[in-house]
Amino acid sequence: MDNTIYRWDNAKHEVWKNVKTFPHHFHNRSDDNVSESFLPQEPEKALKFILVFVRGIIY
């Protein structure tokens, strides 16, 4: 395992307050690499979004 992290987060971490979608943000490959989160708010759409993302990572 290479400890790669992919995580959608909505905690109000002050360090990420400059992210356009704050408090929503995305940890891309590590805890320190954070960008905007485009995860839909609706649960069904969010699940589809995540599954498509994971498929892209796997293949």
PDB file of N, CA and C in Angstrom:
ATOM      1  N   MET A   1       0.838  -1.172   0.000  1.00  0.00           N
ATOM      2  CA  MET A   1       0.000   0.000   0.000  1.00  0.00           C
ATOM      3  C   MET A   1       0.891   1.246   0.000  1.00  0.00           C
ATOM      4  N   ASP A   2       0.502   2.254  -0.773  1.00  0.00           N
ATOM      5  CA  ASP A   2       1.344   3.442  -0.900  1.00  0.00           C
ATOM      6  C   ASP A   2       0.853   4.646  -0.086  1.00  0.00           C
ATOM      7  N   ASN A   3      -0.148   4.470   0.762  1.00  0.00           N
ATOM      8  CA  ASN A   3      -0.684   5.522   1.639  1.00  0.00           C
ATOM      9  C   ASN A   3      -1.313   6.694   0.895  1.00  0.00           C
ATOM     10  N   THR A   4      -1.719   6.484  -0.355  1.00  0.00           N
ATOM     11  CA  THR A   4      -2.398   7.525  -1.110  1.00  0.00           C
ATOM     12  C   THR A   4      -3.767   7.786  -0.490  1.00  0.00           C
ATOM     13  N   ILE A   5      -4.118   9.054  -0.375  1.00  0.00           N
ATOM     14  CA  ILE A   5      -5.390   9.460   0.227  1.00  0.00           C
ATOM     15  C   ILE A   5      -6.208  10.218  -0.807  1.00  0.00           C
ATOM     16  N   TYR A   6      -7.461   9.826  -0.950  1.00  0.00           N
ATOM     17  CA  TYR A   6      -8.445  10.600  -1.702  1.00  0.00           C
ATOM     18  C   TYR A   6      -9.606  10.777  -0.742  1.00  0.00           C
ATOM     19  N   ARG A   7      -9.923  12.037  -0.396  1.00  0.00           N
ATOM     20  CA  ARG A   7     -10.967  12.231   0.606  1.00  0.00           C
ATOM     21  C   ARG A   7     -11.710  13.541   0.364  1.00  0.00           C
ATOM     22  N   TRP A   8     -13.027  13.429   0.359  1.00  0.00           N
ATOM     23  CA  TRP A   8     -13.884  14.614   0.326  1.00  0.00           C
ATOM     24  C   TRP A   8     -14.176  14.966   1.770  1.00  0.00           C
ATOM     25  N   ASP A   9     -14.057  16.217   2.097  1.00  0.00           N
ATOM     26  CA  ASP A   9     -14.103  16.649   3.483  1.00  0.00           C
ATOM     27  C   ASP A   9     -14.930  17.927   3.576  1.00  0.00           C
ATOM     28  N   ASN A  10     -15.684  18.079   4.661  1.00  0.00           N
ATOM     29  CA  ASN A  10     -16.426  19.321   4.851  1.00  0.00           C
ATOM     30  C   ASN A  10     -16.163  19.933   6.236  1.00  0.00           C
ATOM     31  N   ALA A  11     -15.103  19.477   6.880  1.00  0.00           N
ATOM     32  CA  ALA A  11     -14.727  20.067   8.164  1.00  0.00           C
ATOM     33  C   ALA A  11     -14.164  21.475   7.929  1.00  0.00           C
ATOM     34  N   LYS A  12     -14.457  22.379   8.819  1.00  0.00           N
ATOM     35  CA  LYS A  12     -14.050  23.779   8.656  1.00  0.00           C
ATOM     36  C   LYS A  12     -12.615  24.005   9.125  1.00  0.00           C
ATOM     37  N   HIS A  13     -11.680  23.341   8.460  1.00  0.00           N
ATOM     38  CA  HIS A  13     -10.271  23.522   8.788  1.00  0.00           C
ATOM     39  C   HIS A  13      -9.839  24.912   8.319  1.00  0.00           C
ATOM     40  N   GLU A  14      -9.428  25.760   9.237  1.00  0.00           N
ATOM     41  CA  GLU A  14      -9.043  27.134   8.898  1.00  0.00           C
ATOM     42  C   GLU A  14      -7.930  27.184   7.853  1.00  0.00           C
ATOM     43  N   VAL A  15      -7.057  26.192   7.858  1.00  0.00           N
ATOM     44  CA  VAL A  15      -5.944  26.192   6.917  1.00  0.00           C
ATOM     45  C   VAL A  15      -6.444  26.144   5.464  1.00  0.00           C
ATOM     46  N   TRP A  16      -7.656  25.630   5.230  1.00  0.00           N
ATOM     47  CA  TRP A  16      -8.191  25.509   3.868  1.00  0.00           C
ATOM     48  C   TRP A  16      -9.255  26.565   3.574  1.00  0.00           C
ATOM     49  N   LYS A  17      -9.306  27.628   4.362  1.00  0.00           N
ATOM     50  CA  LYS A  17     -10.355  28.634   4.193  1.00  0.00           C
ATOM     51  C   LYS A  17     -10.273  29.391   2.869  1.00  0.00           C
ATOM     52  N   ASN A  18      -9.147  29.311   2.186  1.00  0.00           N
ATOM     53  CA  ASN A  18      -9.013  29.981   0.894  1.00  0.00           C
ATOM     54  C   ASN A  18      -9.486  29.129  -0.278  1.00  0.00           C
ATOM     55  N   VAL A  19      -9.866  27.903  -0.014  1.00  0.00           N
ATOM     56  CA  VAL A  19     -10.409  27.040  -1.066  1.00  0.00           C
ATOM     57  C   VAL A  19     -11.786  27.573  -1.444  1.00  0.00           C
ATOM     58  N   LYS A  20     -12.030  27.732  -2.727  1.00  0.00           N
ATOM     59  CA  LYS A  20     -13.256  28.368  -3.209  1.00  0.00           C
ATOM     60  C   LYS A  20     -14.531  27.722  -2.672  1.00  0.00           C
ATOM     61  N   THR A  21     -14.517  26.407  -2.443  1.00  0.00           N
ATOM     62  CA  THR A  21     -15.719  25.703  -1.990  1.00  0.00           C
ATOM     63  C   THR A  21     -15.737  25.468  -0.477  1.00  0.00           C
ATOM     64  N   PHE A  22     -14.891  26.186   0.256  1.00  0.00           N
ATOM     65  CA  PHE A  22     -14.807  26.050   1.717  1.00  0.00           C
ATOM     66  C   PHE A  22     -16.192  26.113   2.344  1.00  0.00           C
ATOM     67  N   PRO A  23     -16.509  25.242   3.277  1.00  0.00           N
ATOM     68  CA  PRO A  23     -15.637  24.292   3.961  1.00  0.00           C
ATOM     69  C   PRO A  23     -15.438  22.982   3.203  1.00  0.00           C
ATOM     70  N   HIS A  24     -16.143  22.793   2.119  1.00  0.00           N
ATOM     71  CA  HIS A  24     -16.006  21.559   1.329  1.00  0.00           C
ATOM     72  C   HIS A  24     -14.687  21.603   0.562  1.00  0.00           C
ATOM     73  N   HIS A  25     -13.921  20.525   0.669  1.00  0.00           N
ATOM     74  CA  HIS A  25     -12.649  20.440  -0.026  1.00  0.00           C
ATOM     75  C   HIS A  25     -12.298  18.977  -0.290  1.00  0.00           C
ATOM     76  N   PHE A  26     -11.316  18.778  -1.140  1.00  0.00           N
ATOM     77  CA  PHE A  26     -10.921  17.446  -1.570  1.00  0.00           C
ATOM     78  C   PHE A  26      -9.434  17.255  -1.333  1.00  0.00           C
ATOM     79  N   HIS A  27      -9.090  16.198  -0.607  1.00  0.00           N
ATOM     80  CA  HIS A  27      -7.690  15.827  -0.395  1.00  0.00           C
ATOM     81  C   HIS A  27      -7.298  14.897  -1.539  1.00  0.00           C
ATOM     82  N   ASN A  28      -6.397  15.369  -2.380  1.00  0.00           N
ATOM     83  CA  ASN A  28      -6.024  14.643  -3.592  1.00  0.00           C
ATOM     84  C   ASN A  28      -4.630  14.041  -3.461  1.00  0.00           C
ATOM     85  N   ARG A  29      -4.585  12.789  -3.145  1.00  0.00           N
ATOM     86  CA  ARG A  29      -3.378  11.969  -3.012  1.00  0.00           C
ATOM     87  C   ARG A  29      -2.641  12.131  -1.681  1.00  0.00           C
ATOM     88  N   SER A  30      -2.906  13.226  -0.940  1.00  0.00           N
ATOM     89  CA  SER A  30      -2.266  13.392   0.368  1.00  0.00           C
ATOM     90  C   SER A  30      -3.086  14.367   1.212  1.00  0.00           C
ATOM     91  N   ASP A  31      -2.829  14.386   2.502  1.00  0.00           N
ATOM     92  CA  ASP A  31      -3.542  15.306   3.392  1.00  0.00           C
ATOM     93  C   ASP A  31      -3.229  16.770   3.084  1.00  0.00           C
ATOM     94  N   ASP A  32      -2.052  17.027   2.526  1.00  0.00           N
ATOM     95  CA  ASP A  32      -1.612  18.400   2.289  1.00  0.00           C
ATOM     96  C   ASP A  32      -1.970  18.945   0.911  1.00  0.00           C
ATOM     97  N   ASN A  33      -2.412  18.100   0.006  1.00  0.00           N
ATOM     98  CA  ASN A  33      -2.776  18.535  -1.345  1.00  0.00           C
ATOM     99  C   ASN A  33      -4.293  18.664  -1.412  1.00  0.00           C
ATOM    100  N   VAL A  34      -4.787  19.877  -1.230  1.00  0.00           N
ATOM    101  CA  VAL A  34      -6.222  20.127  -1.123  1.00  0.00           C
ATOM    102  C   VAL A  34      -6.684  21.027  -2.257  1.00  0.00           C
ATOM    103  N   SER A  35      -7.865  20.719  -2.784  1.00  0.00           N
ATOM    104  CA  SER A  35      -8.452  21.533  -3.842  1.00  0.00           C
ATOM    105  C   SER A  35      -9.954  21.646  -3.623  1.00  0.00           C
ATOM    106  N   GLU A  36     -10.621  22.346  -4.536  1.00  0.00           N
ATOM    107  CA  GLU A  36     -12.066  22.492  -4.463  1.00  0.00           C
ATOM    108  C   GLU A  36     -12.743  21.128  -4.513  1.00  0.00           C
ATOM    109  N   SER A  37     -13.885  21.036  -3.888  1.00  0.00           N
ATOM    110  CA  SER A  37     -14.681  19.813  -3.922  1.00  0.00           C
ATOM    111  C   SER A  37     -15.867  20.014  -4.851  1.00  0.00           C
ATOM    112  N   PHE A  38     -16.019  19.094  -5.787  1.00  0.00           N
ATOM    113  CA  PHE A  38     -17.152  19.139  -6.707  1.00  0.00           C
ATOM    114  C   PHE A  38     -18.126  18.002  -6.425  1.00  0.00           C
ATOM    115  N   LEU A  39     -18.017  17.435  -5.229  1.00  0.00           N
ATOM    116  CA  LEU A  39     -18.899  16.353  -4.815  1.00  0.00           C
ATOM    117  C   LEU A  39     -20.323  16.896  -4.674  1.00  0.00           C
ATOM    118  N   PRO A  40     -21.281  16.317  -5.389  1.00  0.00           N
ATOM    119  CA  PRO A  40     -22.670  16.785  -5.271  1.00  0.00           C
ATOM    120  C   PRO A  40     -23.199  16.601  -3.852  1.00  0.00           C
ATOM    121  N   GLN A  41     -24.132  17.442  -3.463  1.00  0.00           N
ATOM    122  CA  GLN A  41     -24.730  17.371  -2.131  1.00  0.00           C
ATOM    123  C   GLN A  41     -25.788  16.280  -2.013  1.00  0.00           C
ATOM    124  N   GLU A  42     -26.431  15.944  -3.117  1.00  0.00           N
ATOM    125  CA  GLU A  42     -27.459  14.908  -3.096  1.00  0.00           C
ATOM    126  C   GLU A  42     -26.785  13.541  -2.972  1.00  0.00           C
ATOM    127  N   PRO A  43     -27.188  12.704  -2.009  1.00  0.00           N
ATOM    128  CA  PRO A  43     -26.508  11.425  -1.758  1.00  0.00           C
ATOM    129  C   PRO A  43     -26.393  10.514  -2.986  1.00  0.00           C
ATOM    130  N   GLU A  44     -27.448  10.361  -3.755  1.00  0.00           N
ATOM    131  CA  GLU A  44     -27.378   9.473  -4.922  1.00  0.00           C
ATOM    132  C   GLU A  44     -26.395   9.996  -5.959  1.00  0.00           C
ATOM    133  N   LYS A  45     -26.398  11.301  -6.190  1.00  0.00           N
ATOM    134  CA  LYS A  45     -25.460  11.893  -7.142  1.00  0.00           C
ATOM    135  C   LYS A  45     -24.036  11.818  -6.609  1.00  0.00           C
ATOM    136  N   ALA A  46     -23.877  12.000  -5.301  1.00  0.00           N
ATOM    137  CA  ALA A  46     -22.551  11.913  -4.698  1.00  0.00           C
ATOM    138  C   ALA A  46     -21.977  10.502  -4.837  1.00  0.00           C
ATOM    139  N   LEU A  47     -22.807   9.500  -4.598  1.00  0.00           N
ATOM    140  CA  LEU A  47     -22.340   8.118  -4.730  1.00  0.00           C
ATOM    141  C   LEU A  47     -21.913   7.819  -6.161  1.00  0.00           C
ATOM    142  N   LYS A  48     -22.699   8.237  -7.127  1.00  0.00           N
ATOM    143  CA  LYS A  48     -22.340   8.020  -8.536  1.00  0.00           C
ATOM    144  C   LYS A  48     -21.033   8.740  -8.857  1.00  0.00           C
ATOM    145  N   PHE A  49     -20.879   9.968  -8.385  1.00  0.00           N
ATOM    146  CA  PHE A  49     -19.665  10.753  -8.603  1.00  0.00           C
ATOM    147  C   PHE A  49     -18.444  10.010  -8.057  1.00  0.00           C
ATOM    148  N   ILE A  50     -18.561   9.497  -6.836  1.00  0.00           N
ATOM    149  CA  ILE A  50     -17.450   8.774  -6.205  1.00  0.00           C
ATOM    150  C   ILE A  50     -17.130   7.487  -6.951  1.00  0.00           C
ATOM    151  N   LEU A  51     -18.156   6.740  -7.354  1.00  0.00           N
ATOM    152  CA  LEU A  51     -17.911   5.485  -8.081  1.00  0.00           C
ATOM    153  C   LEU A  51     -17.227   5.737  -9.417  1.00  0.00           C
ATOM    154  N   VAL A  52     -17.616   6.784 -10.116  1.00  0.00           N
ATOM    155  CA  VAL A  52     -16.952   7.133 -11.376  1.00  0.00           C
ATOM    156  C   VAL A  52     -15.501   7.531 -11.100  1.00  0.00           C
ATOM    157  N   PHE A  53     -15.266   8.284 -10.032  1.00  0.00           N
ATOM    158  CA  PHE A  53     -13.913   8.674  -9.645  1.00  0.00           C
ATOM    159  C   PHE A  53     -13.051   7.443  -9.363  1.00  0.00           C
ATOM    160  N   VAL A  54     -13.582   6.515  -8.564  1.00  0.00           N
ATOM    161  CA  VAL A  54     -12.832   5.304  -8.206  1.00  0.00           C
ATOM    162  C   VAL A  54     -12.552   4.473  -9.456  1.00  0.00           C
ATOM    163  N   ARG A  55     -13.504   4.361 -10.332  1.00  0.00           N
ATOM    164  CA  ARG A  55     -13.277   3.624 -11.582  1.00  0.00           C
ATOM    165  C   ARG A  55     -12.112   4.234 -12.349  1.00  0.00           C
ATOM    166  N   GLY A  56     -12.051   5.550 -12.395  1.00  0.00           N
ATOM    167  CA  GLY A  56     -10.947   6.224 -13.084  1.00  0.00           C
ATOM    168  C   GLY A  56      -9.594   5.956 -12.433  1.00  0.00           C
ATOM    169  N   ILE A  57      -9.571   5.838 -11.120  1.00  0.00           N
ATOM    170  CA  ILE A  57      -8.327   5.537 -10.399  1.00  0.00           C
ATOM    171  C   ILE A  57      -7.892   4.101 -10.651  1.00  0.00           C
ATOM    172  N   ILE A  58      -8.846   3.186 -10.636  1.00  0.00           N
ATOM    173  CA  ILE A  58      -8.536   1.773 -10.798  1.00  0.00           C
ATOM    174  C   ILE A  58      -8.040   1.461 -12.213  1.00  0.00           C
ATOM    175  N   TYR A  59      -8.695   2.055 -13.187  1.00  0.00           N
ATOM    176  CA  TYR A  59      -8.325   1.761 -14.584  1.00  0.00           C
ATOM    177  C   TYR A  59      -7.405   2.791 -15.080  1.00  0.00           C
TER     178      TYR A  59
END
